Amino acid sequence: MKKEALSTNDDEMVDRVRKQKHSLIIQLIIVFTVFNVFYMPIYISIVLRFATGYQRTPFADAIFLYLMEISRMIDPIITINFQPELNHEFQIILTKFKIKFKNFFTNIFNR
């Protein structure tokens, strides 16, 4: 796409491609960082188990499981924010919901 835009001297398309490239790089960095932050305690405890015989407590297991679930919840949010098609569709859904919500309360208070 970039080569095609450069060959036709379409500066707007070149800017879009560049912004999309930067957006995807930032998304990759954020996803990699989030997963490593939340999964790092699990990795460390597994290494400690093999190296020193460390046994996790039930409380630590619960915390680690909770951290895993948080990372799974954050991933779709990151995807929606950085993918332009999904972000656009999400904005449309939110706008429709706001209109329905506003109409609902308007109808309740007008009766």
PDB file of N, CA and C in Angstrom:
ATOM      1  N   MET A   1       0.817  -1.185   0.000  1.00  0.00           N
ATOM      2  CA  MET A   1       0.000   0.000   0.000  1.00  0.00           C
ATOM      3  C   MET A   1       0.867   1.258   0.000  1.00  0.00           C
ATOM      4  N   LYS A   2       1.952   1.191   0.759  1.00  0.00           N
ATOM      5  CA  LYS A   2       2.822   2.357   0.836  1.00  0.00           C
ATOM      6  C   LYS A   2       3.490   2.613  -0.513  1.00  0.00           C
ATOM      7  N   LYS A   3       3.934   1.544  -1.180  1.00  0.00           N
ATOM      8  CA  LYS A   3       4.576   1.709  -2.489  1.00  0.00           C
ATOM      9  C   LYS A   3       3.593   2.296  -3.499  1.00  0.00           C
ATOM     10  N   GLU A   4       2.366   1.805  -3.436  1.00  0.00           N
ATOM     11  CA  GLU A   4       1.345   2.315  -4.348  1.00  0.00           C
ATOM     12  C   GLU A   4       1.066   3.794  -4.072  1.00  0.00           C
ATOM     13  N   ALA A   5       0.988   4.154  -2.797  1.00  0.00           N
ATOM     14  CA  ALA A   5       0.738   5.552  -2.435  1.00  0.00           C
ATOM     15  C   ALA A   5       1.906   6.441  -2.845  1.00  0.00           C
ATOM     16  N   LEU A   6       3.116   5.938  -2.692  1.00  0.00           N
ATOM     17  CA  LEU A   6       4.286   6.720  -3.096  1.00  0.00           C
ATOM     18  C   LEU A   6       4.344   6.894  -4.611  1.00  0.00           C
ATOM     19  N   SER A   7       3.972   5.845  -5.339  1.00  0.00           N
ATOM     20  CA  SER A   7       4.030   5.938  -6.803  1.00  0.00           C
ATOM     21  C   SER A   7       2.982   6.900  -7.352  1.00  0.00           C
ATOM     22  N   THR A   8       1.857   7.034  -6.666  1.00  0.00           N
ATOM     23  CA  THR A   8       0.810   7.957  -7.122  1.00  0.00           C
ATOM     24  C   THR A   8       0.880   9.314  -6.422  1.00  0.00           C
ATOM     25  N   ASN A   9       1.905   9.502  -5.589  1.00  0.00           N
ATOM     26  CA  ASN A   9       2.088  10.755  -4.839  1.00  0.00           C
ATOM     27  C   ASN A   9       0.874  11.107  -3.983  1.00  0.00           C
ATOM     28  N   ASP A  10       0.293  10.097  -3.374  1.00  0.00           N
ATOM     29  CA  ASP A  10      -0.867  10.292  -2.493  1.00  0.00           C
ATOM     30  C   ASP A  10      -0.359  10.476  -1.061  1.00  0.00           C
ATOM     31  N   ASP A  11      -0.149  11.731  -0.676  1.00  0.00           N
ATOM     32  CA  ASP A  11       0.420  12.024   0.645  1.00  0.00           C
ATOM     33  C   ASP A  11      -0.508  11.612   1.783  1.00  0.00           C
ATOM     34  N   GLU A  12      -1.807  11.749   1.564  1.00  0.00           N
ATOM     35  CA  GLU A  12      -2.764  11.377   2.608  1.00  0.00           C
ATOM     36  C   GLU A  12      -2.694   9.880   2.904  1.00  0.00           C
ATOM     37  N   MET A  13      -2.590   9.082   1.857  1.00  0.00           N
ATOM     38  CA  MET A  13      -2.495   7.629   2.035  1.00  0.00           C
ATOM     39  C   MET A  13      -1.182   7.255   2.714  1.00  0.00           C
ATOM     40  N   VAL A  14      -0.101   7.922   2.363  1.00  0.00           N
ATOM     41  CA  VAL A  14       1.192   7.660   3.004  1.00  0.00           C
ATOM     42  C   VAL A  14       1.095   7.962   4.493  1.00  0.00           C
ATOM     43  N   ASP A  15       0.433   9.062   4.849  1.00  0.00           N
ATOM     44  CA  ASP A  15       0.257   9.400   6.266  1.00  0.00           C
ATOM     45  C   ASP A  15      -0.578   8.350   6.988  1.00  0.00           C
ATOM     46  N   ARG A  16      -1.655   7.876   6.335  1.00  0.00           N
ATOM     47  CA  ARG A  16      -2.489   6.836   6.954  1.00  0.00           C
ATOM     48  C   ARG A  16      -1.701   5.554   7.188  1.00  0.00           C
ATOM     49  N   VAL A  17      -0.912   5.161   6.198  1.00  0.00           N
ATOM     50  CA  VAL A  17      -0.105   3.944   6.334  1.00  0.00           C
ATOM     51  C   VAL A  17       0.909   4.105   7.457  1.00  0.00           C
ATOM     52  N   ARG A  18       1.533   5.273   7.524  1.00  0.00           N
ATOM     53  CA  ARG A  18       2.519   5.531   8.578  1.00  0.00           C
ATOM     54  C   ARG A  18       1.858   5.510   9.961  1.00  0.00           C
ATOM     55  N   LYS A  19       0.685   6.143  10.094  1.00  0.00           N
ATOM     56  CA  LYS A  19      -0.026   6.147  11.380  1.00  0.00           C
ATOM     57  C   LYS A  19      -0.445   4.735  11.773  1.00  0.00           C
ATOM     58  N   GLN A  20      -0.914   3.957  10.795  1.00  0.00           N
ATOM     59  CA  GLN A  20      -1.315   2.578  11.077  1.00  0.00           C
ATOM     60  C   GLN A  20      -0.117   1.750  11.523  1.00  0.00           C
ATOM     61  N   LYS A  21       1.023   1.961  10.885  1.00  0.00           N
ATOM     62  CA  LYS A  21       2.241   1.236  11.258  1.00  0.00           C
ATOM     63  C   LYS A  21       2.636   1.575  12.687  1.00  0.00           C
ATOM     64  N   HIS A  22       2.628   2.859  13.025  1.00  0.00           N
ATOM     65  CA  HIS A  22       2.974   3.271  14.389  1.00  0.00           C
ATOM     66  C   HIS A  22       1.964   2.729  15.399  1.00  0.00           C
ATOM     67  N   SER A  23       0.694   2.727  15.034  1.00  0.00           N
ATOM     68  CA  SER A  23      -0.341   2.209  15.923  1.00  0.00           C
ATOM     69  C   SER A  23      -0.131   0.723  16.200  1.00  0.00           C
ATOM     70  N   LEU A  24       0.195  -0.039  15.164  1.00  0.00           N
ATOM     71  CA  LEU A  24       0.422  -1.474  15.352  1.00  0.00           C
ATOM     72  C   LEU A  24       1.669  -1.747  16.189  1.00  0.00           C
ATOM     73  N   ILE A  25       2.711  -0.946  16.007  1.00  0.00           N
ATOM     74  CA  ILE A  25       3.927  -1.110  16.813  1.00  0.00           C
ATOM     75  C   ILE A  25       3.629  -0.812  18.277  1.00  0.00           C
ATOM     76  N   ILE A  26       2.894   0.269  18.534  1.00  0.00           N
ATOM     77  CA  ILE A  26       2.538   0.608  19.917  1.00  0.00           C
ATOM     78  C   ILE A  26       1.666  -0.478  20.525  1.00  0.00           C
ATOM     79  N   GLN A  27       0.709  -1.013  19.745  1.00  0.00           N
ATOM     80  CA  GLN A  27      -0.143  -2.088  20.242  1.00  0.00           C
ATOM     81  C   GLN A  27       0.687  -3.309  20.612  1.00  0.00           C
ATOM     82  N   LEU A  28       1.632  -3.673  19.767  1.00  0.00           N
ATOM     83  CA  LEU A  28       2.488  -4.821  20.049  1.00  0.00           C
ATOM     84  C   LEU A  28       3.289  -4.609  21.324  1.00  0.00           C
ATOM     85  N   ILE A  29       3.840  -3.425  21.494  1.00  0.00           N
ATOM     86  CA  ILE A  29       4.624  -3.125  22.700  1.00  0.00           C
ATOM     87  C   ILE A  29       3.741  -3.190  23.943  1.00  0.00           C
ATOM     88  N   ILE A  30       2.545  -2.620  23.877  1.00  0.00           N
ATOM     89  CA  ILE A  30       1.653  -2.623  25.039  1.00  0.00           C
ATOM     90  C   ILE A  30       1.216  -4.037  25.382  1.00  0.00           C
ATOM     91  N   VAL A  31       0.822  -4.823  24.381  1.00  0.00           N
ATOM     92  CA  VAL A  31       0.391  -6.202  24.647  1.00  0.00           C
ATOM     93  C   VAL A  31       1.539  -7.010  25.243  1.00  0.00           C
ATOM     94  N   PHE A  32       2.726  -6.884  24.677  1.00  0.00           N
ATOM     95  CA  PHE A  32       3.886  -7.608  25.189  1.00  0.00           C
ATOM     96  C   PHE A  32       4.183  -7.207  26.633  1.00  0.00           C
ATOM     97  N   THR A  33       4.133  -5.914  26.924  1.00  0.00           N
ATOM     98  CA  THR A  33       4.411  -5.427  28.276  1.00  0.00           C
ATOM     99  C   THR A  33       3.348  -5.897  29.260  1.00  0.00           C
ATOM    100  N   VAL A  34       2.080  -5.774  28.888  1.00  0.00           N
ATOM    101  CA  VAL A  34       0.994  -6.181  29.795  1.00  0.00           C
ATOM    102  C   VAL A  34       1.096  -7.662  30.111  1.00  0.00           C
ATOM    103  N   PHE A  35       1.277  -8.489  29.088  1.00  0.00           N
ATOM    104  CA  PHE A  35       1.367  -9.921  29.343  1.00  0.00           C
ATOM    105  C   PHE A  35       2.573 -10.259  30.207  1.00  0.00           C
ATOM    106  N   ASN A  36       3.707  -9.633  29.945  1.00  0.00           N
ATOM    107  CA  ASN A  36       4.886  -9.928  30.760  1.00  0.00           C
ATOM    108  C   ASN A  36       4.716  -9.474  32.198  1.00  0.00           C
ATOM    109  N   VAL A  37       4.100  -8.325  32.414  1.00  0.00           N
ATOM    110  CA  VAL A  37       3.900  -7.844  33.785  1.00  0.00           C
ATOM    111  C   VAL A  37       2.988  -8.788  34.557  1.00  0.00           C
ATOM    112  N   PHE A  38       1.913  -9.240  33.925  1.00  0.00           N
ATOM    113  CA  PHE A  38       0.963 -10.079  34.642  1.00  0.00           C
ATOM    114  C   PHE A  38       1.392 -11.543  34.738  1.00  0.00           C
ATOM    115  N   TYR A  39       2.155 -12.026  33.780  1.00  0.00           N
ATOM    116  CA  TYR A  39       2.580 -13.423  33.821  1.00  0.00           C
ATOM    117  C   TYR A  39       3.946 -13.623  34.474  1.00  0.00           C
ATOM    118  N   MET A  40       4.692 -12.556  34.709  1.00  0.00           N
ATOM    119  CA  MET A  40       6.034 -12.675  35.284  1.00  0.00           C
ATOM    120  C   MET A  40       6.041 -13.367  36.649  1.00  0.00           C
ATOM    121  N   PRO A  41       5.127 -13.061  37.580  1.00  0.00           N
ATOM    122  CA  PRO A  41       5.154 -13.791  38.860  1.00  0.00           C
ATOM    123  C   PRO A  41       4.965 -15.302  38.692  1.00  0.00           C
ATOM    124  N   ILE A  42       4.170 -15.694  37.720  1.00  0.00           N
ATOM    125  CA  ILE A  42       3.967 -17.126  37.469  1.00  0.00           C
ATOM    126  C   ILE A  42       5.254 -17.750  36.954  1.00  0.00           C
ATOM    127  N   TYR A  43       5.901 -17.080  36.001  1.00  0.00           N
ATOM    128  CA  TYR A  43       7.161 -17.599  35.470  1.00  0.00           C
ATOM    129  C   TYR A  43       8.208 -17.712  36.570  1.00  0.00           C
ATOM    130  N   ILE A  44       8.297 -16.696  37.400  1.00  0.00           N
ATOM    131  CA  ILE A  44       9.296 -16.703  38.478  1.00  0.00           C
ATOM    132  C   ILE A  44       9.028 -17.836  39.451  1.00  0.00           C
ATOM    133  N   SER A  45       7.757 -18.053  39.813  1.00  0.00           N
ATOM    134  CA  SER A  45       7.460 -19.128  40.769  1.00  0.00           C
ATOM    135  C   SER A  45       7.737 -20.504  40.173  1.00  0.00           C
ATOM    136  N   ILE A  46       7.528 -20.674  38.872  1.00  0.00           N
ATOM    137  CA  ILE A  46       7.834 -21.961  38.237  1.00  0.00           C
ATOM    138  C   ILE A  46       9.339 -22.209  38.249  1.00  0.00           C
ATOM    139  N   VAL A  47      10.124 -21.182  37.933  1.00  0.00           N
ATOM    140  CA  VAL A  47      11.584 -21.326  37.960  1.00  0.00           C
ATOM    141  C   VAL A  47      12.055 -21.612  39.383  1.00  0.00           C
ATOM    142  N   LEU A  48      11.486 -20.913  40.361  1.00  0.00           N
ATOM    143  CA  LEU A  48      11.868 -21.155  41.758  1.00  0.00           C
ATOM    144  C   LEU A  48      11.503 -22.566  42.204  1.00  0.00           C
ATOM    145  N   ARG A  49      10.394 -23.104  41.706  1.00  0.00           N
ATOM    146  CA  ARG A  49       9.998 -24.462  42.078  1.00  0.00           C
ATOM    147  C   ARG A  49      11.045 -25.468  41.611  1.00  0.00           C
ATOM    148  N   PHE A  50      11.533 -25.302  40.388  1.00  0.00           N
ATOM    149  CA  PHE A  50      12.535 -26.235  39.890  1.00  0.00           C
ATOM    150  C   PHE A  50      13.915 -25.980  40.489  1.00  0.00           C
ATOM    151  N   ALA A  51      14.241 -24.722  40.767  1.00  0.00           N
ATOM    152  CA  ALA A  51      15.578 -24.386  41.262  1.00  0.00           C
ATOM    153  C   ALA A  51      15.736 -24.665  42.752  1.00  0.00           C
ATOM    154  N   THR A  52      14.728 -24.296  43.550  1.00  0.00           N
ATOM    155  CA  THR A  52      14.888 -24.401  45.006  1.00  0.00           C
ATOM    156  C   THR A  52      13.809 -25.217  45.687  1.00  0.00           C
ATOM    157  N   GLY A  53      12.840 -25.728  44.958  1.00  0.00           N
ATOM    158  CA  GLY A  53      11.772 -26.498  45.573  1.00  0.00           C
ATOM    159  C   GLY A  53      10.685 -25.627  46.188  1.00  0.00           C
ATOM    160  N   TYR A  54      10.571 -24.393  45.751  1.00  0.00           N
ATOM    161  CA  TYR A  54       9.583 -23.442  46.271  1.00  0.00           C
ATOM    162  C   TYR A  54       8.173 -23.943  45.991  1.00  0.00           C
ATOM    163  N   GLN A  55       7.311 -23.882  46.996  1.00  0.00           N
ATOM    164  CA  GLN A  55       5.906 -24.242  46.837  1.00  0.00           C
ATOM    165  C   GLN A  55       5.049 -22.992  47.014  1.00  0.00           C
ATOM    166  N   ARG A  56       4.187 -22.731  46.054  1.00  0.00           N
ATOM    167  CA  ARG A  56       3.307 -21.567  46.156  1.00  0.00           C
ATOM    168  C   ARG A  56       2.214 -21.832  47.183  1.00  0.00           C
ATOM    169  N   THR A  57       1.850 -20.783  47.894  1.00  0.00           N
ATOM    170  CA  THR A  57       0.745 -20.887  48.848  1.00  0.00           C
ATOM    171  C   THR A  57      -0.570 -20.762  48.079  1.00  0.00           C
ATOM    172  N   PRO A  58      -1.669 -21.212  48.679  1.00  0.00           N
ATOM    173  CA  PRO A  58      -2.963 -21.049  48.003  1.00  0.00           C
ATOM    174  C   PRO A  58      -3.299 -19.576  47.725  1.00  0.00           C
ATOM    175  N   PHE A  59      -2.877 -18.694  48.638  1.00  0.00           N
ATOM    176  CA  PHE A  59      -3.108 -17.263  48.427  1.00  0.00           C
ATOM    177  C   PHE A  59      -2.350 -16.774  47.191  1.00  0.00           C
ATOM    178  N   ALA A  60      -1.106 -17.210  47.041  1.00  0.00           N
ATOM    179  CA  ALA A  60      -0.309 -16.818  45.872  1.00  0.00           C
ATOM    180  C   ALA A  60      -0.930 -17.375  44.594  1.00  0.00           C
ATOM    181  N   ASP A  61      -1.428 -18.616  44.643  1.00  0.00           N
ATOM    182  CA  ASP A  61      -2.100 -19.186  43.476  1.00  0.00           C
ATOM    183  C   ASP A  61      -3.320 -18.355  43.081  1.00  0.00           C
ATOM    184  N   ALA A  62      -4.073 -17.917  44.083  1.00  0.00           N
ATOM    185  CA  ALA A  62      -5.259 -17.101  43.804  1.00  0.00           C
ATOM    186  C   ALA A  62      -4.863 -15.769  43.174  1.00  0.00           C
ATOM    187  N   ILE A  63      -3.821 -15.152  43.698  1.00  0.00           N
ATOM    188  CA  ILE A  63      -3.349 -13.880  43.144  1.00  0.00           C
ATOM    189  C   ILE A  63      -2.877 -14.069  41.703  1.00  0.00           C
ATOM    190  N   PHE A  64      -2.115 -15.126  41.443  1.00  0.00           N
ATOM    191  CA  PHE A  64      -1.602 -15.377  40.097  1.00  0.00           C
ATOM    192  C   PHE A  64      -2.746 -15.642  39.117  1.00  0.00           C
ATOM    193  N   LEU A  65      -3.753 -16.378  39.555  1.00  0.00           N
ATOM    194  CA  LEU A  65      -4.907 -16.647  38.704  1.00  0.00           C
ATOM    195  C   LEU A  65      -5.649 -15.349  38.391  1.00  0.00           C
ATOM    196  N   TYR A  66      -5.776 -14.503  39.398  1.00  0.00           N
ATOM    197  CA  TYR A  66      -6.432 -13.208  39.216  1.00  0.00           C
ATOM    198  C   TYR A  66      -5.649 -12.339  38.227  1.00  0.00           C
ATOM    199  N   LEU A  67      -4.324 -12.343  38.327  1.00  0.00           N
ATOM    200  CA  LEU A  67      -3.494 -11.579  37.393  1.00  0.00           C
ATOM    201  C   LEU A  67      -3.670 -12.082  35.959  1.00  0.00           C
ATOM    202  N   MET A  68      -3.782 -13.396  35.798  1.00  0.00           N
ATOM    203  CA  MET A  68      -4.000 -13.956  34.465  1.00  0.00           C
ATOM    204  C   MET A  68      -5.337 -13.485  33.895  1.00  0.00           C
ATOM    205  N   GLU A  69      -6.365 -13.471  34.730  1.00  0.00           N
ATOM    206  CA  GLU A  69      -7.681 -13.038  34.263  1.00  0.00           C
ATOM    207  C   GLU A  69      -7.684 -11.554  33.904  1.00  0.00           C
ATOM    208  N   ILE A  70      -6.963 -10.752  34.664  1.00  0.00           N
ATOM    209  CA  ILE A  70      -6.873  -9.323  34.348  1.00  0.00           C
ATOM    210  C   ILE A  70      -6.230  -9.128  32.979  1.00  0.00           C
ATOM    211  N   SER A  71      -5.162  -9.874  32.702  1.00  0.00           N
ATOM    212  CA  SER A  71      -4.505  -9.727  31.398  1.00  0.00           C
ATOM    213  C   SER A  71      -5.430 -10.163  30.268  1.00  0.00           C
ATOM    214  N   ARG A  72      -6.248 -11.170  30.513  1.00  0.00           N
ATOM    215  CA  ARG A  72      -7.200 -11.601  29.487  1.00  0.00           C
ATOM    216  C   ARG A  72      -8.303 -10.568  29.281  1.00  0.00           C
ATOM    217  N   MET A  73      -8.648  -9.830  30.334  1.00  0.00           N
ATOM    218  CA  MET A  73      -9.662  -8.785  30.196  1.00  0.00           C
ATOM    219  C   MET A  73      -9.112  -7.563  29.470  1.00  0.00           C
ATOM    220  N   ILE A  74      -7.846  -7.271  29.666  1.00  0.00           N
ATOM    221  CA  ILE A  74      -7.244  -6.077  29.073  1.00  0.00           C
ATOM    222  C   ILE A  74      -6.970  -6.262  27.581  1.00  0.00           C
ATOM    223  N   ASP A  75      -6.686  -7.471  27.152  1.00  0.00           N
ATOM    224  CA  ASP A  75      -6.324  -7.716  25.754  1.00  0.00           C
ATOM    225  C   ASP A  75      -7.386  -7.248  24.756  1.00  0.00           C
ATOM    226  N   PRO A  76      -8.673  -7.574  24.936  1.00  0.00           N
ATOM    227  CA  PRO A  76      -9.660  -7.067  23.964  1.00  0.00           C
ATOM    228  C   PRO A  76      -9.770  -5.547  23.953  1.00  0.00           C
ATOM    229  N   ILE A  77      -9.586  -4.925  25.106  1.00  0.00           N
ATOM    230  CA  ILE A  77      -9.649  -3.463  25.172  1.00  0.00           C
ATOM    231  C   ILE A  77      -8.519  -2.857  24.349  1.00  0.00           C
ATOM    232  N   ILE A  78      -7.333  -3.428  24.476  1.00  0.00           N
ATOM    233  CA  ILE A  78      -6.190  -2.942  23.697  1.00  0.00           C
ATOM    234  C   ILE A  78      -6.452  -3.139  22.207  1.00  0.00           C
ATOM    235  N   THR A  79      -6.992  -4.289  21.848  1.00  0.00           N
ATOM    236  CA  THR A  79      -7.263  -4.579  20.442  1.00  0.00           C
ATOM    237  C   THR A  79      -8.278  -3.601  19.865  1.00  0.00           C
ATOM    238  N   ILE A  80      -9.346  -3.335  20.602  1.00  0.00           N
ATOM    239  CA  ILE A  80     -10.376  -2.417  20.111  1.00  0.00           C
ATOM    240  C   ILE A  80      -9.815  -1.011  19.954  1.00  0.00           C
ATOM    241  N   ASN A  81      -8.979  -0.588  20.882  1.00  0.00           N
ATOM    242  CA  ASN A  81      -8.444   0.771  20.817  1.00  0.00           C
ATOM    243  C   ASN A  81      -7.495   0.986  19.653  1.00  0.00           C
ATOM    244  N   PHE A  82      -6.739  -0.027  19.270  1.00  0.00           N
ATOM    245  CA  PHE A  82      -5.697   0.175  18.265  1.00  0.00           C
ATOM    246  C   PHE A  82      -6.065  -0.281  16.860  1.00  0.00           C
ATOM    247  N   GLN A  83      -7.109  -1.065  16.702  1.00  0.00           N
ATOM    248  CA  GLN A  83      -7.508  -1.492  15.361  1.00  0.00           C
ATOM    249  C   GLN A  83      -8.557  -0.525  14.832  1.00  0.00           C
ATOM    250  N   PRO A  84      -8.283   0.179  13.752  1.00  0.00           N
ATOM    251  CA  PRO A  84      -9.197   1.236  13.302  1.00  0.00           C
ATOM    252  C   PRO A  84     -10.599   0.745  12.951  1.00  0.00           C
ATOM    253  N   GLU A  85     -10.704  -0.424  12.304  1.00  0.00           N
ATOM    254  CA  GLU A  85     -12.030  -0.919  11.931  1.00  0.00           C
ATOM    255  C   GLU A  85     -12.841  -1.250  13.174  1.00  0.00           C
ATOM    256  N   LEU A  86     -12.217  -1.943  14.116  1.00  0.00           N
ATOM    257  CA  LEU A  86     -12.914  -2.302  15.348  1.00  0.00           C
ATOM    258  C   LEU A  86     -13.236  -1.071  16.178  1.00  0.00           C
ATOM    259  N   ASN A  87     -12.321  -0.133  16.212  1.00  0.00           N
ATOM    260  CA  ASN A  87     -12.543   1.086  16.978  1.00  0.00           C
ATOM    261  C   ASN A  87     -13.722   1.861  16.395  1.00  0.00           C
ATOM    262  N   HIS A  88     -13.798   1.927  15.081  1.00  0.00           N
ATOM    263  CA  HIS A  88     -14.902   2.632  14.428  1.00  0.00           C
ATOM    264  C   HIS A  88     -16.234   1.947  14.740  1.00  0.00           C
ATOM    265  N   GLU A  89     -16.288   0.629  14.615  1.00  0.00           N
ATOM    266  CA  GLU A  89     -17.513  -0.111  14.920  1.00  0.00           C
ATOM    267  C   GLU A  89     -17.894   0.049  16.384  1.00  0.00           C
ATOM    268  N   PHE A  90     -16.909   0.034  17.270  1.00  0.00           N
ATOM    269  CA  PHE A  90     -17.169   0.199  18.694  1.00  0.00           C
ATOM    270  C   PHE A  90     -17.746   1.587  18.976  1.00  0.00           C
ATOM    271  N   GLN A  91     -17.228   2.609  18.309  1.00  0.00           N
ATOM    272  CA  GLN A  91     -17.755   3.968  18.484  1.00  0.00           C
ATOM    273  C   GLN A  91     -19.207   4.050  18.003  1.00  0.00           C
ATOM    274  N   ILE A  92     -19.524   3.367  16.923  1.00  0.00           N
ATOM    275  CA  ILE A  92     -20.905   3.347  16.425  1.00  0.00           C
ATOM    276  C   ILE A  92     -21.820   2.664  17.435  1.00  0.00           C
ATOM    277  N   ILE A  93     -21.390   1.537  17.969  1.00  0.00           N
ATOM    278  CA  ILE A  93     -22.189   0.824  18.964  1.00  0.00           C
ATOM    279  C   ILE A  93     -22.404   1.693  20.196  1.00  0.00           C
ATOM    280  N   LEU A  94     -21.350   2.366  20.667  1.00  0.00           N
ATOM    281  CA  LEU A  94     -21.490   3.249  21.830  1.00  0.00           C
ATOM    282  C   LEU A  94     -22.447   4.399  21.548  1.00  0.00           C
ATOM    283  N   THR A  95     -22.368   4.974  20.372  1.00  0.00           N
ATOM    284  CA  THR A  95     -23.256   6.082  20.018  1.00  0.00           C
ATOM    285  C   THR A  95     -24.708   5.625  19.991  1.00  0.00           C
ATOM    286  N   LYS A  96     -24.966   4.463  19.385  1.00  0.00           N
ATOM    287  CA  LYS A  96     -26.330   3.928  19.364  1.00  0.00           C
ATOM    288  C   LYS A  96     -26.836   3.653  20.775  1.00  0.00           C
ATOM    289  N   PHE A  97     -25.968   3.106  21.626  1.00  0.00           N
ATOM    290  CA  PHE A  97     -26.362   2.821  23.003  1.00  0.00           C
ATOM    291  C   PHE A  97     -26.692   4.110  23.753  1.00  0.00           C
ATOM    292  N   LYS A  98     -25.875   5.151  23.565  1.00  0.00           N
ATOM    293  CA  LYS A  98     -26.128   6.433  24.236  1.00  0.00           C
ATOM    294  C   LYS A  98     -27.466   7.022  23.802  1.00  0.00           C
ATOM    295  N   ILE A  99     -27.774   6.923  22.519  1.00  0.00           N
ATOM    296  CA  ILE A  99     -29.045   7.451  22.020  1.00  0.00           C
ATOM    297  C   ILE A  99     -30.211   6.678  22.616  1.00  0.00           C
ATOM    298  N   LYS A 100     -30.123   5.345  22.636  1.00  0.00           N
ATOM    299  CA  LYS A 100     -31.192   4.536  23.217  1.00  0.00           C
ATOM    300  C   LYS A 100     -31.346   4.825  24.706  1.00  0.00           C
ATOM    301  N   PHE A 101     -30.234   4.959  25.401  1.00  0.00           N
ATOM    302  CA  PHE A 101     -30.253   5.244  26.835  1.00  0.00           C
ATOM    303  C   PHE A 101     -30.906   6.604  27.095  1.00  0.00           C
ATOM    304  N   LYS A 102     -30.536   7.593  26.308  1.00  0.00           N
ATOM    305  CA  LYS A 102     -31.101   8.938  26.461  1.00  0.00           C
ATOM    306  C   LYS A 102     -32.599   8.927  26.155  1.00  0.00           C
ATOM    307  N   ASN A 103     -33.000   8.237  25.091  1.00  0.00           N
ATOM    308  CA  ASN A 103     -34.419   8.142  24.748  1.00  0.00           C
ATOM    309  C   ASN A 103     -35.210   7.414  25.821  1.00  0.00           C
ATOM    310  N   PHE A 104     -34.632   6.400  26.408  1.00  0.00           N
ATOM    311  CA  PHE A 104     -35.299   5.650  27.467  1.00  0.00           C
ATOM    312  C   PHE A 104     -35.629   6.562  28.642  1.00  0.00           C
ATOM    313  N   PHE A 105     -34.639   7.321  29.110  1.00  0.00           N
ATOM    314  CA  PHE A 105     -34.872   8.205  30.248  1.00  0.00           C
ATOM    315  C   PHE A 105     -35.766   9.393  29.873  1.00  0.00           C
ATOM    316  N   THR A 106     -35.680   9.847  28.646  1.00  0.00           N
ATOM    317  CA  THR A 106     -36.562  10.929  28.199  1.00  0.00           C
ATOM    318  C   THR A 106     -38.008  10.462  28.209  1.00  0.00           C
ATOM    319  N   ASN A 107     -38.245   9.237  27.743  1.00  0.00           N
ATOM    320  CA  ASN A 107     -39.606   8.691  27.737  1.00  0.00           C
ATOM    321  C   ASN A 107     -40.127   8.464  29.152  1.00  0.00           C
ATOM    322  N   ILE A 108     -39.271   8.058  30.054  1.00  0.00           N
ATOM    323  CA  ILE A 108     -39.693   7.829  31.441  1.00  0.00           C
ATOM    324  C   ILE A 108     -40.118   9.145  32.094  1.00  0.00           C
ATOM    325  N   PHE A 109     -39.335  10.183  31.916  1.00  0.00           N
ATOM    326  CA  PHE A 109     -39.614  11.448  32.596  1.00  0.00           C
ATOM    327  C   PHE A 109     -40.690  12.280  31.896  1.00  0.00           C
ATOM    328  N   ASN A 110     -41.003  11.976  30.656  1.00  0.00           N
ATOM    329  CA  ASN A 110     -42.056  12.708  29.949  1.00  0.00           C
ATOM    330  C   ASN A 110     -43.437  12.148  30.223  1.00  0.00           C
ATOM    331  N   ARG A 111     -43.536  11.024  30.848  1.00  0.00           N
ATOM    332  CA  ARG A 111     -44.850  10.416  31.115  1.00  0.00           C
ATOM    333  C   ARG A 111     -45.486  11.000  32.314  1.00  0.00           C
TER     334      ARG A 111
END
